[in-house]
Amino acid sequence: MMTATSALALTHASPVFELAKEVDNNKVTPGVLGFIVFAVIGVAVWMLMKSMNTHMKKVDFEEAPSVEDQGSDQRESAATGR
């Protein structure tokens, strides 16, 4: 059973349904909005990579000598007399 509101909505929506029938499903493309979203994602990834690169350049990769290495260095210097 249709109410008056649903009947009114269907009569006003009929032009939209007619336009939807005219659209060829084989020719539907993402359009401008799809391109804009893809471009924004690409720019965001580029900015993140650039930021990561600058942060990685600030990192000091030299490790401090471990306790075992310090002990062996002292033994070697004592054995050589230095």
Protein backbone atom coordinates (compact mmCIF):
# COMPACT_ATOMS: atom_id res chain seq x y z
CA MET A 1 0.00 0.00 0.00
CA MET A 2 1.46 3.33 -1.09
CA THR A 3 1.11 6.42 1.00
CA ALA A 4 0.62 9.84 -0.48
CA THR A 5 4.20 10.82 0.33
CA SER A 6 5.74 7.84 -1.44
CA ALA A 7 3.48 8.34 -4.47
CA LEU A 8 4.52 12.00 -4.65
CA ALA A 9 8.20 11.07 -4.33
CA LEU A 10 7.91 8.55 -7.17
CA THR A 11 6.21 11.02 -9.49
CA HIS A 12 8.90 13.66 -8.86
CA ALA A 13 11.70 11.13 -9.23
CA SER A 14 10.52 9.85 -12.63
CA PRO A 15 12.73 12.30 -14.63
CA VAL A 16 15.74 11.05 -12.68
CA PHE A 17 14.84 7.46 -13.53
CA GLU A 18 14.57 8.40 -17.21
CA LEU A 19 18.03 9.99 -17.16
CA ALA A 20 19.44 6.90 -15.47
CA LYS A 21 18.07 4.72 -18.26
CA GLU A 22 19.91 6.85 -20.85
CA VAL A 23 23.32 6.36 -19.22
CA ASP A 24 25.35 3.66 -20.94
CA ASN A 25 26.98 1.44 -18.31
CA ASN A 26 29.95 0.81 -20.62
CA LYS A 27 30.78 4.53 -20.86
CA VAL A 28 30.62 5.49 -17.18
CA THR A 29 33.93 6.98 -15.98
CA PRO A 30 35.15 8.31 -12.62
CA GLY A 31 35.08 11.84 -14.00
CA VAL A 32 36.59 14.98 -12.57
CA LEU A 33 35.83 14.11 -8.96
CA GLY A 34 37.69 10.80 -9.29
CA PHE A 35 40.70 12.60 -10.78
CA ILE A 36 40.70 15.21 -8.00
CA VAL A 37 40.57 12.53 -5.28
CA PHE A 38 43.39 10.57 -6.96
CA ALA A 39 45.50 13.73 -7.33
CA VAL A 40 44.98 14.68 -3.66
CA ILE A 41 46.04 11.19 -2.55
CA GLY A 42 49.12 11.43 -4.78
CA VAL A 43 50.11 14.82 -3.37
CA ALA A 44 49.59 13.56 0.19
CA VAL A 45 51.84 10.54 -0.44
CA TRP A 46 54.51 12.80 -1.97
CA MET A 47 54.41 15.11 1.05
CA LEU A 48 54.64 12.17 3.46
CA MET A 49 57.63 10.74 1.59
CA LYS A 50 59.37 14.13 1.63
CA SER A 51 58.75 14.50 5.36
CA MET A 52 59.98 10.96 6.04
CA ASN A 53 63.14 11.65 4.03
CA THR A 54 63.98 14.76 6.07
CA HIS A 55 63.35 12.90 9.34
CA MET A 56 65.52 9.98 8.26
CA LYS A 57 68.39 12.36 7.44
CA LYS A 58 68.32 13.62 11.04
CA VAL A 59 68.81 10.11 12.49
CA ASP A 60 72.30 9.23 13.73
CA PHE A 61 72.99 5.61 12.79
CA GLU A 62 76.31 5.19 14.63
CA GLU A 63 75.94 2.84 17.56
CA ALA A 64 77.69 3.38 20.86
CA PRO A 65 80.26 0.68 21.61
CA SER A 66 78.85 -2.12 23.72
CA VAL A 67 80.28 -3.19 27.08
CA GLU A 68 81.92 -6.26 25.51
CA ASP A 69 83.67 -4.14 22.88
CA GLN A 70 84.99 -1.72 25.51
CA GLY A 71 86.40 -4.59 27.57
CA SER A 72 88.18 -6.13 24.59
CA ASP A 73 89.63 -2.74 23.59
CA GLN A 74 91.06 -2.26 27.09
CA ARG A 75 92.60 -5.76 27.06
CA GLU A 76 94.16 -5.15 23.64
CA SER A 77 95.67 -1.82 24.74
CA ALA A 78 97.06 -3.43 27.91
CA ALA A 79 98.60 -6.26 25.89
CA THR A 80 100.27 -3.89 23.43
CA GLY A 81 101.43 -1.55 26.19
CA ARG A 82 99.58 1.53 25.01
